[in-house]
Amino acid sequence: MTAPEPVLSLATARKGRRVALARGRVEERLLEQRTAFDALCASGAVHTARGAREGKRLLDAGLHLQRAASVLKMLAGKGTLPAPRLEANVDEAFQEVESRIEQADTLLRRKPATVKQLGTGYFSF
């Protein structure tokens, strides 16, 4: 007699996939933010009024991304707070992550991806 196979929760699998995708987006933007800030500091431009404004903008973007990363950590069950169990609370947490990513994109002056930028294969133009 074989042991029964474990039951896979689709909600848990969906949440895990959403966390992984969002984590990738946050990590990509954090790398971009760090690279831009390092370049600003290395050039010495951070010591000018314009460079200081750019530096503040980049640091603000980093704060939004760090907050998004901490919410994602909580959703994955690895944070200091327990992961929410109700679907409404999970959706609310993902909305916060999306909002933080959008705010960081604005501060990093990223443009939203278009279908042309995303497409390869079937949707290539």
PDB file of N, CA and C in Angstrom:
ATOM      1  N   MET A   1       0.842  -1.169   0.000  1.00  0.00           N
ATOM      2  CA  MET A   1       0.000   0.000   0.000  1.00  0.00           C
ATOM      3  C   MET A   1       0.895   1.243   0.000  1.00  0.00           C
ATOM      4  N   THR A   2       0.584   2.201  -0.865  1.00  0.00           N
ATOM      5  CA  THR A   2       1.389   3.414  -0.965  1.00  0.00           C
ATOM      6  C   THR A   2       0.785   4.507  -0.089  1.00  0.00           C
ATOM      7  N   ALA A   3       1.629   5.420   0.299  1.00  0.00           N
ATOM      8  CA  ALA A   3       1.178   6.549   1.117  1.00  0.00           C
ATOM      9  C   ALA A   3       0.370   7.501   0.250  1.00  0.00           C
ATOM     10  N   PRO A   4      -0.658   8.110   0.810  1.00  0.00           N
ATOM     11  CA  PRO A   4      -1.448   9.062   0.018  1.00  0.00           C
ATOM     12  C   PRO A   4      -0.600  10.270  -0.363  1.00  0.00           C
ATOM     13  N   GLU A   5      -0.855  10.763  -1.559  1.00  0.00           N
ATOM     14  CA  GLU A   5      -0.117  11.936  -2.031  1.00  0.00           C
ATOM     15  C   GLU A   5      -0.631  13.174  -1.318  1.00  0.00           C
ATOM     16  N   PRO A   6       0.261  14.123  -1.020  1.00  0.00           N
ATOM     17  CA  PRO A   6      -0.178  15.338  -0.330  1.00  0.00           C
ATOM     18  C   PRO A   6      -1.087  16.164  -1.242  1.00  0.00           C
ATOM     19  N   VAL A   7      -2.016  16.846  -0.619  1.00  0.00           N
ATOM     20  CA  VAL A   7      -2.942  17.698  -1.363  1.00  0.00           C
ATOM     21  C   VAL A   7      -2.262  19.040  -1.616  1.00  0.00           C
ATOM     22  N   LEU A   8      -2.311  19.490  -2.850  1.00  0.00           N
ATOM     23  CA  LEU A   8      -1.699  20.754  -3.235  1.00  0.00           C
ATOM     24  C   LEU A   8      -2.782  21.823  -3.276  1.00  0.00           C
ATOM     25  N   SER A   9      -2.581  22.867  -2.525  1.00  0.00           N
ATOM     26  CA  SER A   9      -3.522  23.978  -2.514  1.00  0.00           C
ATOM     27  C   SER A   9      -3.196  24.907  -3.679  1.00  0.00           C
ATOM     28  N   LEU A  10      -4.174  25.120  -4.544  1.00  0.00           N
ATOM     29  CA  LEU A  10      -3.957  26.013  -5.683  1.00  0.00           C
ATOM     30  C   LEU A  10      -3.731  27.446  -5.239  1.00  0.00           C
ATOM     31  N   ALA A  11      -4.401  27.851  -4.170  1.00  0.00           N
ATOM     32  CA  ALA A  11      -4.214  29.213  -3.652  1.00  0.00           C
ATOM     33  C   ALA A  11      -2.785  29.413  -3.170  1.00  0.00           C
ATOM     34  N   THR A  12      -2.241  28.410  -2.504  1.00  0.00           N
ATOM     35  CA  THR A  12      -0.868  28.492  -2.018  1.00  0.00           C
ATOM     36  C   THR A  12       0.115  28.514  -3.179  1.00  0.00           C
ATOM     37  N   ALA A  13      -0.129  27.702  -4.178  1.00  0.00           N
ATOM     38  CA  ALA A  13       0.740  27.679  -5.354  1.00  0.00           C
ATOM     39  C   ALA A  13       0.678  29.003  -6.105  1.00  0.00           C
ATOM     40  N   ARG A  14      -0.519  29.555  -6.247  1.00  0.00           N
ATOM     41  CA  ARG A  14      -0.699  30.831  -6.930  1.00  0.00           C
ATOM     42  C   ARG A  14       0.020  31.947  -6.173  1.00  0.00           C
ATOM     43  N   LYS A  15      -0.125  31.949  -4.834  1.00  0.00           N
ATOM     44  CA  LYS A  15       0.537  32.965  -4.022  1.00  0.00           C
ATOM     45  C   LYS A  15       2.053  32.843  -4.144  1.00  0.00           C
ATOM     46  N   GLY A  16       2.564  31.620  -4.133  1.00  0.00           N
ATOM     47  CA  GLY A  16       4.003  31.407  -4.280  1.00  0.00           C
ATOM     48  C   GLY A  16       4.520  31.918  -5.605  1.00  0.00           C
ATOM     49  N   ARG A  17       3.751  31.691  -6.651  1.00  0.00           N
ATOM     50  CA  ARG A  17       4.150  32.169  -7.988  1.00  0.00           C
ATOM     51  C   ARG A  17       4.131  33.693  -8.044  1.00  0.00           C
ATOM     52  N   ARG A  18       3.093  34.295  -7.460  1.00  0.00           N
ATOM     53  CA  ARG A  18       3.002  35.758  -7.441  1.00  0.00           C
ATOM     54  C   ARG A  18       4.159  36.364  -6.658  1.00  0.00           C
ATOM     55  N   VAL A  19       4.511  35.740  -5.534  1.00  0.00           N
ATOM     56  CA  VAL A  19       5.634  36.234  -4.726  1.00  0.00           C
ATOM     57  C   VAL A  19       6.927  36.150  -5.525  1.00  0.00           C
ATOM     58  N   ALA A  20       7.149  35.034  -6.215  1.00  0.00           N
ATOM     59  CA  ALA A  20       8.379  34.851  -6.989  1.00  0.00           C
ATOM     60  C   ALA A  20       8.489  35.884  -8.107  1.00  0.00           C
ATOM     61  N   LEU A  21       7.390  36.119  -8.814  1.00  0.00           N
ATOM     62  CA  LEU A  21       7.416  37.105  -9.900  1.00  0.00           C
ATOM     63  C   LEU A  21       7.657  38.511  -9.369  1.00  0.00           C
ATOM     64  N   ALA A  22       6.969  38.868  -8.294  1.00  0.00           N
ATOM     65  CA  ALA A  22       7.138  40.206  -7.717  1.00  0.00           C
ATOM     66  C   ALA A  22       8.544  40.373  -7.150  1.00  0.00           C
ATOM     67  N   ARG A  23       9.077  39.324  -6.535  1.00  0.00           N
ATOM     68  CA  ARG A  23      10.439  39.400  -5.987  1.00  0.00           C
ATOM     69  C   ARG A  23      11.442  39.663  -7.104  1.00  0.00           C
ATOM     70  N   GLY A  24      11.254  39.030  -8.233  1.00  0.00           N
ATOM     71  CA  GLY A  24      12.134  39.261  -9.376  1.00  0.00           C
ATOM     72  C   GLY A  24      12.077  40.702  -9.856  1.00  0.00           C
ATOM     73  N   ARG A  25      10.868  41.246  -9.903  1.00  0.00           N
ATOM     74  CA  ARG A  25      10.711  42.648 -10.322  1.00  0.00           C
ATOM     75  C   ARG A  25      11.383  43.596  -9.335  1.00  0.00           C
ATOM     76  N   VAL A  26      11.216  43.331  -8.032  1.00  0.00           N
ATOM     77  CA  VAL A  26      11.814  44.187  -7.003  1.00  0.00           C
ATOM     78  C   VAL A  26      13.336  44.094  -7.064  1.00  0.00           C
ATOM     79  N   GLU A  27      13.877  42.892  -7.192  1.00  0.00           N
ATOM     80  CA  GLU A  27      15.333  42.721  -7.241  1.00  0.00           C
ATOM     81  C   GLU A  27      15.939  43.407  -8.460  1.00  0.00           C
ATOM     82  N   GLU A  28      15.242  43.350  -9.592  1.00  0.00           N
ATOM     83  CA  GLU A  28      15.713  44.010 -10.806  1.00  0.00           C
ATOM     84  C   GLU A  28      15.808  45.517 -10.588  1.00  0.00           C
ATOM     85  N   ARG A  29      14.782  46.086  -9.970  1.00  0.00           N
ATOM     86  CA  ARG A  29      14.765  47.524  -9.733  1.00  0.00           C
ATOM     87  C   ARG A  29      15.774  47.940  -8.659  1.00  0.00           C
ATOM     88  N   LEU A  30      15.953  47.102  -7.637  1.00  0.00           N
ATOM     89  CA  LEU A  30      16.958  47.411  -6.620  1.00  0.00           C
ATOM     90  C   LEU A  30      18.355  47.448  -7.234  1.00  0.00           C
ATOM     91  N   LEU A  31      18.645  46.522  -8.128  1.00  0.00           N
ATOM     92  CA  LEU A  31      19.935  46.514  -8.801  1.00  0.00           C
ATOM     93  C   LEU A  31      20.105  47.787  -9.633  1.00  0.00           C
ATOM     94  N   GLU A  32      19.058  48.158 -10.352  1.00  0.00           N
ATOM     95  CA  GLU A  32      19.107  49.380 -11.161  1.00  0.00           C
ATOM     96  C   GLU A  32      19.322  50.609 -10.274  1.00  0.00           C
ATOM     97  N   GLN A  33      18.618  50.655  -9.141  1.00  0.00           N
ATOM     98  CA  GLN A  33      18.732  51.788  -8.219  1.00  0.00           C
ATOM     99  C   GLN A  33      20.137  51.868  -7.638  1.00  0.00           C
ATOM    100  N   ARG A  34      20.665  50.744  -7.188  1.00  0.00           N
ATOM    101  CA  ARG A  34      22.014  50.726  -6.600  1.00  0.00           C
ATOM    102  C   ARG A  34      23.068  51.133  -7.619  1.00  0.00           C
ATOM    103  N   THR A  35      22.934  50.626  -8.837  1.00  0.00           N
ATOM    104  CA  THR A  35      23.897  50.946  -9.896  1.00  0.00           C
ATOM    105  C   THR A  35      23.874  52.441 -10.197  1.00  0.00           C
ATOM    106  N   ALA A  36      22.681  53.015 -10.316  1.00  0.00           N
ATOM    107  CA  ALA A  36      22.564  54.449 -10.597  1.00  0.00           C
ATOM    108  C   ALA A  36      23.119  55.280  -9.443  1.00  0.00           C
ATOM    109  N   PHE A  37      22.835  54.875  -8.209  1.00  0.00           N
ATOM    110  CA  PHE A  37      23.325  55.627  -7.060  1.00  0.00           C
ATOM    111  C   PHE A  37      24.844  55.516  -6.954  1.00  0.00           C
ATOM    112  N   ASP A  38      25.392  54.332  -7.187  1.00  0.00           N
ATOM    113  CA  ASP A  38      26.842  54.163  -7.164  1.00  0.00           C
ATOM    114  C   ASP A  38      27.521  55.017  -8.227  1.00  0.00           C
ATOM    115  N   ALA A  39      26.939  55.068  -9.416  1.00  0.00           N
ATOM    116  CA  ALA A  39      27.500  55.878 -10.492  1.00  0.00           C
ATOM    117  C   ALA A  39      27.444  57.360 -10.135  1.00  0.00           C
ATOM    118  N   LEU A  40      26.359  57.783  -9.503  1.00  0.00           N
ATOM    119  CA  LEU A  40      26.217  59.174  -9.092  1.00  0.00           C
ATOM    120  C   LEU A  40      27.289  59.545  -8.060  1.00  0.00           C
ATOM    121  N   CYS A  41      27.498  58.658  -7.116  1.00  0.00           N
ATOM    122  CA  CYS A  41      28.512  58.909  -6.081  1.00  0.00           C
ATOM    123  C   CYS A  41      29.919  58.870  -6.664  1.00  0.00           C
ATOM    124  N   ALA A  42      30.192  57.896  -7.525  1.00  0.00           N
ATOM    125  CA  ALA A  42      31.530  57.744  -8.106  1.00  0.00           C
ATOM    126  C   ALA A  42      31.899  58.932  -8.988  1.00  0.00           C
ATOM    127  N   SER A  43      30.906  59.536  -9.640  1.00  0.00           N
ATOM    128  CA  SER A  43      31.189  60.664 -10.524  1.00  0.00           C
ATOM    129  C   SER A  43      31.426  61.954  -9.746  1.00  0.00           C
ATOM    130  N   GLY A  44      31.021  61.978  -8.494  1.00  0.00           N
ATOM    131  CA  GLY A  44      31.161  63.194  -7.697  1.00  0.00           C
ATOM    132  C   GLY A  44      30.008  64.160  -7.894  1.00  0.00           C
ATOM    133  N   ALA A  45      29.098  63.825  -8.787  1.00  0.00           N
ATOM    134  CA  ALA A  45      27.967  64.712  -9.068  1.00  0.00           C
ATOM    135  C   ALA A  45      27.020  64.829  -7.886  1.00  0.00           C
ATOM    136  N   VAL A  46      27.087  63.900  -6.955  1.00  0.00           N
ATOM    137  CA  VAL A  46      26.210  63.927  -5.790  1.00  0.00           C
ATOM    138  C   VAL A  46      26.474  65.170  -4.931  1.00  0.00           C
ATOM    139  N   HIS A  47      27.633  65.806  -5.121  1.00  0.00           N
ATOM    140  CA  HIS A  47      27.998  66.976  -4.331  1.00  0.00           C
ATOM    141  C   HIS A  47      27.469  68.275  -4.917  1.00  0.00           C
ATOM    142  N   THR A  48      26.742  68.200  -6.024  1.00  0.00           N
ATOM    143  CA  THR A  48      26.108  69.383  -6.602  1.00  0.00           C
ATOM    144  C   THR A  48      24.641  69.398  -6.190  1.00  0.00           C
ATOM    145  N   ALA A  49      23.987  70.539  -6.354  1.00  0.00           N
ATOM    146  CA  ALA A  49      22.565  70.644  -5.987  1.00  0.00           C
ATOM    147  C   ALA A  49      21.727  69.673  -6.812  1.00  0.00           C
ATOM    148  N   ARG A  50      21.982  69.619  -8.109  1.00  0.00           N
ATOM    149  CA  ARG A  50      21.221  68.711  -8.973  1.00  0.00           C
ATOM    150  C   ARG A  50      21.508  67.258  -8.618  1.00  0.00           C
ATOM    151  N   GLY A  51      22.771  66.950  -8.367  1.00  0.00           N
ATOM    152  CA  GLY A  51      23.144  65.589  -7.996  1.00  0.00           C
ATOM    153  C   GLY A  51      22.546  65.170  -6.666  1.00  0.00           C
ATOM    154  N   ALA A  52      22.446  66.118  -5.724  1.00  0.00           N
ATOM    155  CA  ALA A  52      21.828  65.811  -4.435  1.00  0.00           C
ATOM    156  C   ALA A  52      20.352  65.480  -4.608  1.00  0.00           C
ATOM    157  N   ARG A  53      19.678  66.223  -5.493  1.00  0.00           N
ATOM    158  CA  ARG A  53      18.260  65.919  -5.777  1.00  0.00           C
ATOM    159  C   ARG A  53      18.124  64.537  -6.412  1.00  0.00           C
ATOM    160  N   GLU A  54      19.020  64.233  -7.340  1.00  0.00           N
ATOM    161  CA  GLU A  54      18.999  62.900  -7.975  1.00  0.00           C
ATOM    162  C   GLU A  54      19.257  61.802  -6.945  1.00  0.00           C
ATOM    163  N   GLY A  55      20.218  62.049  -6.059  1.00  0.00           N
ATOM    164  CA  GLY A  55      20.532  61.082  -5.022  1.00  0.00           C
ATOM    165  C   GLY A  55      19.353  60.841  -4.097  1.00  0.00           C
ATOM    166  N   LYS A  56      18.663  61.906  -3.707  1.00  0.00           N
ATOM    167  CA  LYS A  56      17.478  61.767  -2.846  1.00  0.00           C
ATOM    168  C   LYS A  56      16.397  60.972  -3.558  1.00  0.00           C
ATOM    169  N   ARG A  57      16.207  61.249  -4.835  1.00  0.00           N
ATOM    170  CA  ARG A  57      15.205  60.528  -5.623  1.00  0.00           C
ATOM    171  C   ARG A  57      15.538  59.039  -5.670  1.00  0.00           C
ATOM    172  N   LEU A  58      16.800  58.724  -5.884  1.00  0.00           N
ATOM    173  CA  LEU A  58      17.226  57.329  -5.940  1.00  0.00           C
ATOM    174  C   LEU A  58      17.091  56.640  -4.585  1.00  0.00           C
ATOM    175  N   LEU A  59      17.421  57.357  -3.508  1.00  0.00           N
ATOM    176  CA  LEU A  59      17.273  56.779  -2.168  1.00  0.00           C
ATOM    177  C   LEU A  59      15.805  56.549  -1.825  1.00  0.00           C
ATOM    178  N   ASP A  60      14.940  57.475  -2.227  1.00  0.00           N
ATOM    179  CA  ASP A  60      13.501  57.287  -1.996  1.00  0.00           C
ATOM    180  C   ASP A  60      12.987  56.054  -2.740  1.00  0.00           C
ATOM    181  N   ALA A  61      13.447  55.870  -3.972  1.00  0.00           N
ATOM    182  CA  ALA A  61      13.059  54.677  -4.739  1.00  0.00           C
ATOM    183  C   ALA A  61      13.526  53.417  -4.022  1.00  0.00           C
ATOM    184  N   GLY A  62      14.730  53.458  -3.475  1.00  0.00           N
ATOM    185  CA  GLY A  62      15.250  52.314  -2.735  1.00  0.00           C
ATOM    186  C   GLY A  62      14.418  51.989  -1.508  1.00  0.00           C
ATOM    187  N   LEU A  63      13.924  53.024  -0.822  1.00  0.00           N
ATOM    188  CA  LEU A  63      13.070  52.790   0.351  1.00  0.00           C
ATOM    189  C   LEU A  63      11.769  52.106  -0.031  1.00  0.00           C
ATOM    190  N   HIS A  64      11.157  52.537  -1.139  1.00  0.00           N
ATOM    191  CA  HIS A  64       9.925  51.895  -1.609  1.00  0.00           C
ATOM    192  C   HIS A  64      10.188  50.433  -1.951  1.00  0.00           C
ATOM    193  N   LEU A  65      11.304  50.173  -2.586  1.00  0.00           N
ATOM    194  CA  LEU A  65      11.630  48.804  -2.980  1.00  0.00           C
ATOM    195  C   LEU A  65      11.949  47.929  -1.774  1.00  0.00           C
ATOM    196  N   GLN A  66      12.603  48.495  -0.775  1.00  0.00           N
ATOM    197  CA  GLN A  66      12.884  47.724   0.438  1.00  0.00           C
ATOM    198  C   GLN A  66      11.598  47.379   1.177  1.00  0.00           C
ATOM    199  N   ARG A  67      10.650  48.310   1.202  1.00  0.00           N
ATOM    200  CA  ARG A  67       9.360  48.023   1.840  1.00  0.00           C
ATOM    201  C   ARG A  67       8.626  46.927   1.068  1.00  0.00           C
ATOM    202  N   ALA A  68       8.648  47.002  -0.265  1.00  0.00           N
ATOM    203  CA  ALA A  68       8.011  45.964  -1.078  1.00  0.00           C
ATOM    204  C   ALA A  68       8.667  44.611  -0.811  1.00  0.00           C
ATOM    205  N   ALA A  69       9.984  44.592  -0.679  1.00  0.00           N
ATOM    206  CA  ALA A  69      10.698  43.341  -0.407  1.00  0.00           C
ATOM    207  C   ALA A  69      10.312  42.774   0.954  1.00  0.00           C
ATOM    208  N   SER A  70      10.122  43.642   1.946  1.00  0.00           N
ATOM    209  CA  SER A  70       9.746  43.141   3.276  1.00  0.00           C
ATOM    210  C   SER A  70       8.325  42.585   3.283  1.00  0.00           C
ATOM    211  N   VAL A  71       7.420  43.184   2.509  1.00  0.00           N
ATOM    212  CA  VAL A  71       6.057  42.651   2.404  1.00  0.00           C
ATOM    213  C   VAL A  71       6.090  41.297   1.694  1.00  0.00           C
ATOM    214  N   LEU A  72       6.902  41.168   0.663  1.00  0.00           N
ATOM    215  CA  LEU A  72       7.029  39.892  -0.042  1.00  0.00           C
ATOM    216  C   LEU A  72       7.614  38.815   0.869  1.00  0.00           C
ATOM    217  N   LYS A  73       8.551  39.207   1.707  1.00  0.00           N
ATOM    218  CA  LYS A  73       9.129  38.264   2.667  1.00  0.00           C
ATOM    219  C   LYS A  73       8.056  37.778   3.636  1.00  0.00           C
ATOM    220  N   MET A  74       7.201  38.707   4.079  1.00  0.00           N
ATOM    221  CA  MET A  74       6.106  38.339   4.977  1.00  0.00           C
ATOM    222  C   MET A  74       5.145  37.377   4.262  1.00  0.00           C
ATOM    223  N   LEU A  75       4.828  37.674   3.000  1.00  0.00           N
ATOM    224  CA  LEU A  75       3.909  36.815   2.243  1.00  0.00           C
ATOM    225  C   LEU A  75       4.482  35.410   2.052  1.00  0.00           C
ATOM    226  N   ALA A  76       5.797  35.315   1.967  1.00  0.00           N
ATOM    227  CA  ALA A  76       6.440  34.017   1.798  1.00  0.00           C
ATOM    228  C   ALA A  76       6.558  33.264   3.126  1.00  0.00           C
ATOM    229  N   GLY A  77       6.170  33.923   4.222  1.00  0.00           N
ATOM    230  CA  GLY A  77       6.225  33.279   5.530  1.00  0.00           C
ATOM    231  C   GLY A  77       7.586  33.345   6.183  1.00  0.00           C
ATOM    232  N   LYS A  78       8.439  34.244   5.708  1.00  0.00           N
ATOM    233  CA  LYS A  78       9.801  34.336   6.239  1.00  0.00           C
ATOM    234  C   LYS A  78      10.051  35.645   6.974  1.00  0.00           C
ATOM    235  N   GLY A  79       9.022  36.454   7.135  1.00  0.00           N
ATOM    236  CA  GLY A  79       9.191  37.737   7.803  1.00  0.00           C
ATOM    237  C   GLY A  79       8.973  37.648   9.297  1.00  0.00           C
ATOM    238  N   THR A  80       9.063  38.792   9.954  1.00  0.00           N
ATOM    239  CA  THR A  80       8.829  38.826  11.398  1.00  0.00           C
ATOM    240  C   THR A  80       7.346  38.720  11.720  1.00  0.00           C
ATOM    241  N   LEU A  81       6.504  39.122  10.779  1.00  0.00           N
ATOM    242  CA  LEU A  81       5.059  38.987  10.943  1.00  0.00           C
ATOM    243  C   LEU A  81       4.583  37.736  10.219  1.00  0.00           C
ATOM    244  N   PRO A  82       3.540  37.112  10.720  1.00  0.00           N
ATOM    245  CA  PRO A  82       3.017  35.932  10.018  1.00  0.00           C
ATOM    246  C   PRO A  82       2.346  36.333   8.702  1.00  0.00           C
ATOM    247  N   ALA A  83       2.358  35.422   7.761  1.00  0.00           N
ATOM    248  CA  ALA A  83       1.724  35.674   6.470  1.00  0.00           C
ATOM    249  C   ALA A  83       0.216  35.728   6.653  1.00  0.00           C
ATOM    250  N   PRO A  84      -0.457  36.625   5.923  1.00  0.00           N
ATOM    251  CA  PRO A  84      -1.910  36.676   6.036  1.00  0.00           C
ATOM    252  C   PRO A  84      -2.542  35.406   5.479  1.00  0.00           C
ATOM    253  N   ARG A  85      -3.654  35.018   6.076  1.00  0.00           N
ATOM    254  CA  ARG A  85      -4.324  33.786   5.636  1.00  0.00           C
ATOM    255  C   ARG A  85      -5.535  34.069   4.760  1.00  0.00           C
ATOM    256  N   LEU A  86      -6.249  35.148   5.048  1.00  0.00           N
ATOM    257  CA  LEU A  86      -7.428  35.470   4.256  1.00  0.00           C
ATOM    258  C   LEU A  86      -7.017  35.991   2.887  1.00  0.00           C
ATOM    259  N   GLU A  87      -7.735  35.551   1.875  1.00  0.00           N
ATOM    260  CA  GLU A  87      -7.419  35.946   0.498  1.00  0.00           C
ATOM    261  C   GLU A  87      -7.477  37.466   0.320  1.00  0.00           C
ATOM    262  N   ALA A  88      -8.410  38.118   1.002  1.00  0.00           N
ATOM    263  CA  ALA A  88      -8.523  39.578   0.901  1.00  0.00           C
ATOM    264  C   ALA A  88      -7.271  40.260   1.446  1.00  0.00           C
ATOM    265  N   ASN A  89      -6.724  39.729   2.542  1.00  0.00           N
ATOM    266  CA  ASN A  89      -5.507  40.303   3.119  1.00  0.00           C
ATOM    267  C   ASN A  89      -4.295  40.049   2.235  1.00  0.00           C
ATOM    268  N   VAL A  90      -4.274  38.892   1.601  1.00  0.00           N
ATOM    269  CA  VAL A  90      -3.181  38.577   0.676  1.00  0.00           C
ATOM    270  C   VAL A  90      -3.234  39.533  -0.511  1.00  0.00           C
ATOM    271  N   ASP A  91      -4.430  39.739  -1.060  1.00  0.00           N
ATOM    272  CA  ASP A  91      -4.581  40.663  -2.191  1.00  0.00           C
ATOM    273  C   ASP A  91      -4.190  42.086  -1.796  1.00  0.00           C
ATOM    274  N   GLU A  92      -4.545  42.490  -0.590  1.00  0.00           N
ATOM    275  CA  GLU A  92      -4.185  43.821  -0.103  1.00  0.00           C
ATOM    276  C   GLU A  92      -2.662  43.969  -0.016  1.00  0.00           C
ATOM    277  N   ALA A  93      -1.993  42.938   0.449  1.00  0.00           N
ATOM    278  CA  ALA A  93      -0.534  42.976   0.546  1.00  0.00           C
ATOM    279  C   ALA A  93       0.093  43.069  -0.848  1.00  0.00           C
ATOM    280  N   PHE A  94      -0.435  42.308  -1.809  1.00  0.00           N
ATOM    281  CA  PHE A  94       0.088  42.391  -3.171  1.00  0.00           C
ATOM    282  C   PHE A  94      -0.183  43.756  -3.791  1.00  0.00           C
ATOM    283  N   GLN A  95      -1.318  44.374  -3.445  1.00  0.00           N
ATOM    284  CA  GLN A  95      -1.590  45.722  -3.941  1.00  0.00           C
ATOM    285  C   GLN A  95      -0.569  46.711  -3.400  1.00  0.00           C
ATOM    286  N   GLU A  96      -0.186  46.543  -2.131  1.00  0.00           N
ATOM    287  CA  GLU A  96       0.853  47.412  -1.570  1.00  0.00           C
ATOM    288  C   GLU A  96       2.171  47.221  -2.306  1.00  0.00           C
ATOM    289  N   VAL A  97       2.516  45.974  -2.598  1.00  0.00           N
ATOM    290  CA  VAL A  97       3.755  45.692  -3.331  1.00  0.00           C
ATOM    291  C   VAL A  97       3.712  46.361  -4.698  1.00  0.00           C
ATOM    292  N   GLU A  98       2.596  46.203  -5.410  1.00  0.00           N
ATOM    293  CA  GLU A  98       2.460  46.813  -6.734  1.00  0.00           C
ATOM    294  C   GLU A  98       2.553  48.330  -6.660  1.00  0.00           C
ATOM    295  N   SER A  99       1.925  48.906  -5.645  1.00  0.00           N
ATOM    296  CA  SER A  99       1.969  50.353  -5.462  1.00  0.00           C
ATOM    297  C   SER A  99       3.400  50.824  -5.210  1.00  0.00           C
ATOM    298  N   ARG A 100       4.124  50.096  -4.371  1.00  0.00           N
ATOM    299  CA  ARG A 100       5.513  50.462  -4.075  1.00  0.00           C
ATOM    300  C   ARG A 100       6.390  50.342  -5.325  1.00  0.00           C
ATOM    301  N   ILE A 101       6.155  49.304  -6.117  1.00  0.00           N
ATOM    302  CA  ILE A 101       6.928  49.142  -7.353  1.00  0.00           C
ATOM    303  C   ILE A 101       6.627  50.283  -8.317  1.00  0.00           C
ATOM    304  N   GLU A 102       5.361  50.659  -8.436  1.00  0.00           N
ATOM    305  CA  GLU A 102       4.993  51.766  -9.319  1.00  0.00           C
ATOM    306  C   GLU A 102       5.622  53.076  -8.848  1.00  0.00           C
ATOM    307  N   GLN A 103       5.612  53.326  -7.529  1.00  0.00           N
ATOM    308  CA  GLN A 103       6.232  54.540  -7.005  1.00  0.00           C
ATOM    309  C   GLN A 103       7.732  54.547  -7.279  1.00  0.00           C
ATOM    310  N   ALA A 104       8.369  53.395  -7.112  1.00  0.00           N
ATOM    311  CA  ALA A 104       9.802  53.296  -7.406  1.00  0.00           C
ATOM    312  C   ALA A 104      10.060  53.506  -8.890  1.00  0.00           C
ATOM    313  N   ASP A 105       9.211  52.954  -9.748  1.00  0.00           N
ATOM    314  CA  ASP A 105       9.366  53.151 -11.189  1.00  0.00           C
ATOM    315  C   ASP A 105       9.281  54.629 -11.551  1.00  0.00           C
ATOM    316  N   THR A 106       8.364  55.338 -10.909  1.00  0.00           N
ATOM    317  CA  THR A 106       8.233  56.772 -11.153  1.00  0.00           C
ATOM    318  C   THR A 106       9.507  57.491 -10.723  1.00  0.00           C
ATOM    319  N   LEU A 107      10.017  57.156  -9.551  1.00  0.00           N
ATOM    320  CA  LEU A 107      11.232  57.798  -9.056  1.00  0.00           C
ATOM    321  C   LEU A 107      12.465  57.411  -9.876  1.00  0.00           C
ATOM    322  N   LEU A 108      12.486  56.182 -10.389  1.00  0.00           N
ATOM    323  CA  LEU A 108      13.597  55.737 -11.228  1.00  0.00           C
ATOM    324  C   LEU A 108      13.425  56.163 -12.678  1.00  0.00           C
ATOM    325  N   ARG A 109      12.285  56.788 -12.947  1.00  0.00           N
ATOM    326  CA  ARG A 109      11.939  57.261 -14.300  1.00  0.00           C
ATOM    327  C   ARG A 109      11.901  56.114 -15.303  1.00  0.00           C
ATOM    328  N   ARG A 110      11.364  54.988 -14.838  1.00  0.00           N
ATOM    329  CA  ARG A 110      11.142  53.836 -15.728  1.00  0.00           C
ATOM    330  C   ARG A 110       9.815  54.028 -16.431  1.00  0.00           C
ATOM    331  N   LYS A 111       9.782  53.626 -17.672  1.00  0.00           N
ATOM    332  CA  LYS A 111       8.530  53.678 -18.421  1.00  0.00           C
ATOM    333  C   LYS A 111       7.844  52.324 -18.307  1.00  0.00           C
ATOM    334  N   PRO A 112       6.509  52.316 -18.243  1.00  0.00           N
ATOM    335  CA  PRO A 112       5.818  51.023 -18.202  1.00  0.00           C
ATOM    336  C   PRO A 112       6.126  50.224 -19.463  1.00  0.00           C
ATOM    337  N   ALA A 113       6.262  48.929 -19.303  1.00  0.00           N
ATOM    338  CA  ALA A 113       6.567  48.057 -20.439  1.00  0.00           C
ATOM    339  C   ALA A 113       5.381  48.020 -21.395  1.00  0.00           C
ATOM    340  N   THR A 114       5.677  48.052 -22.661  1.00  0.00           N
ATOM    341  CA  THR A 114       4.634  47.929 -23.666  1.00  0.00           C
ATOM    342  C   THR A 114       4.704  46.518 -24.246  1.00  0.00           C
ATOM    343  N   VAL A 115       3.699  46.170 -25.011  1.00  0.00           N
ATOM    344  CA  VAL A 115       3.670  44.843 -25.625  1.00  0.00           C
ATOM    345  C   VAL A 115       4.876  44.666 -26.541  1.00  0.00           C
ATOM    346  N   LYS A 116       5.291  45.727 -27.229  1.00  0.00           N
ATOM    347  CA  LYS A 116       6.453  45.640 -28.115  1.00  0.00           C
ATOM    348  C   LYS A 116       7.711  45.294 -27.336  1.00  0.00           C
ATOM    349  N   GLN A 117       7.873  45.891 -26.156  1.00  0.00           N
ATOM    350  CA  GLN A 117       9.063  45.628 -25.361  1.00  0.00           C
ATOM    351  C   GLN A 117       9.041  44.224 -24.766  1.00  0.00           C
ATOM    352  N   LEU A 118       7.862  43.716 -24.471  1.00  0.00           N
ATOM    353  CA  LEU A 118       7.747  42.408 -23.852  1.00  0.00           C
ATOM    354  C   LEU A 118       7.834  41.281 -24.858  1.00  0.00           C
ATOM    355  N   GLY A 119       7.393  41.540 -26.101  1.00  0.00           N
ATOM    356  CA  GLY A 119       7.152  40.448 -27.039  1.00  0.00           C
ATOM    357  C   GLY A 119       8.370  39.867 -27.710  1.00  0.00           C
ATOM    358  N   THR A 120       8.465  38.580 -27.631  1.00  0.00           N
ATOM    359  CA  THR A 120       9.344  37.779 -28.484  1.00  0.00           C
ATOM    360  C   THR A 120       8.553  36.532 -28.779  1.00  0.00           C
ATOM    361  N   GLY A 121       8.810  35.941 -29.901  1.00  0.00           N
ATOM    362  CA  GLY A 121       8.049  34.737 -30.238  1.00  0.00           C
ATOM    363  C   GLY A 121       6.752  35.101 -30.926  1.00  0.00           C
ATOM    364  N   TYR A 122       5.640  34.657 -30.385  1.00  0.00           N
ATOM    365  CA  TYR A 122       4.345  34.854 -31.025  1.00  0.00           C
ATOM    366  C   TYR A 122       3.967  36.319 -31.170  1.00  0.00           C
ATOM    367  N   PHE A 123       4.377  37.149 -30.227  1.00  0.00           N
ATOM    368  CA  PHE A 123       3.939  38.534 -30.235  1.00  0.00           C
ATOM    369  C   PHE A 123       5.021  39.502 -30.711  1.00  0.00           C
ATOM    370  N   SER A 124       6.026  39.012 -31.428  1.00  0.00           N
ATOM    371  CA  SER A 124       7.080  39.890 -31.920  1.00  0.00           C
ATOM    372  C   SER A 124       6.512  40.807 -32.992  1.00  0.00           C
ATOM    373  N   PHE A 125       7.012  42.018 -32.997  1.00  0.00           N
ATOM    374  CA  PHE A 125       6.557  42.991 -33.994  1.00  0.00           C
ATOM    375  C   PHE A 125       7.697  43.357 -34.912  1.00  0.00           C
TER     376      PHE A 125
END
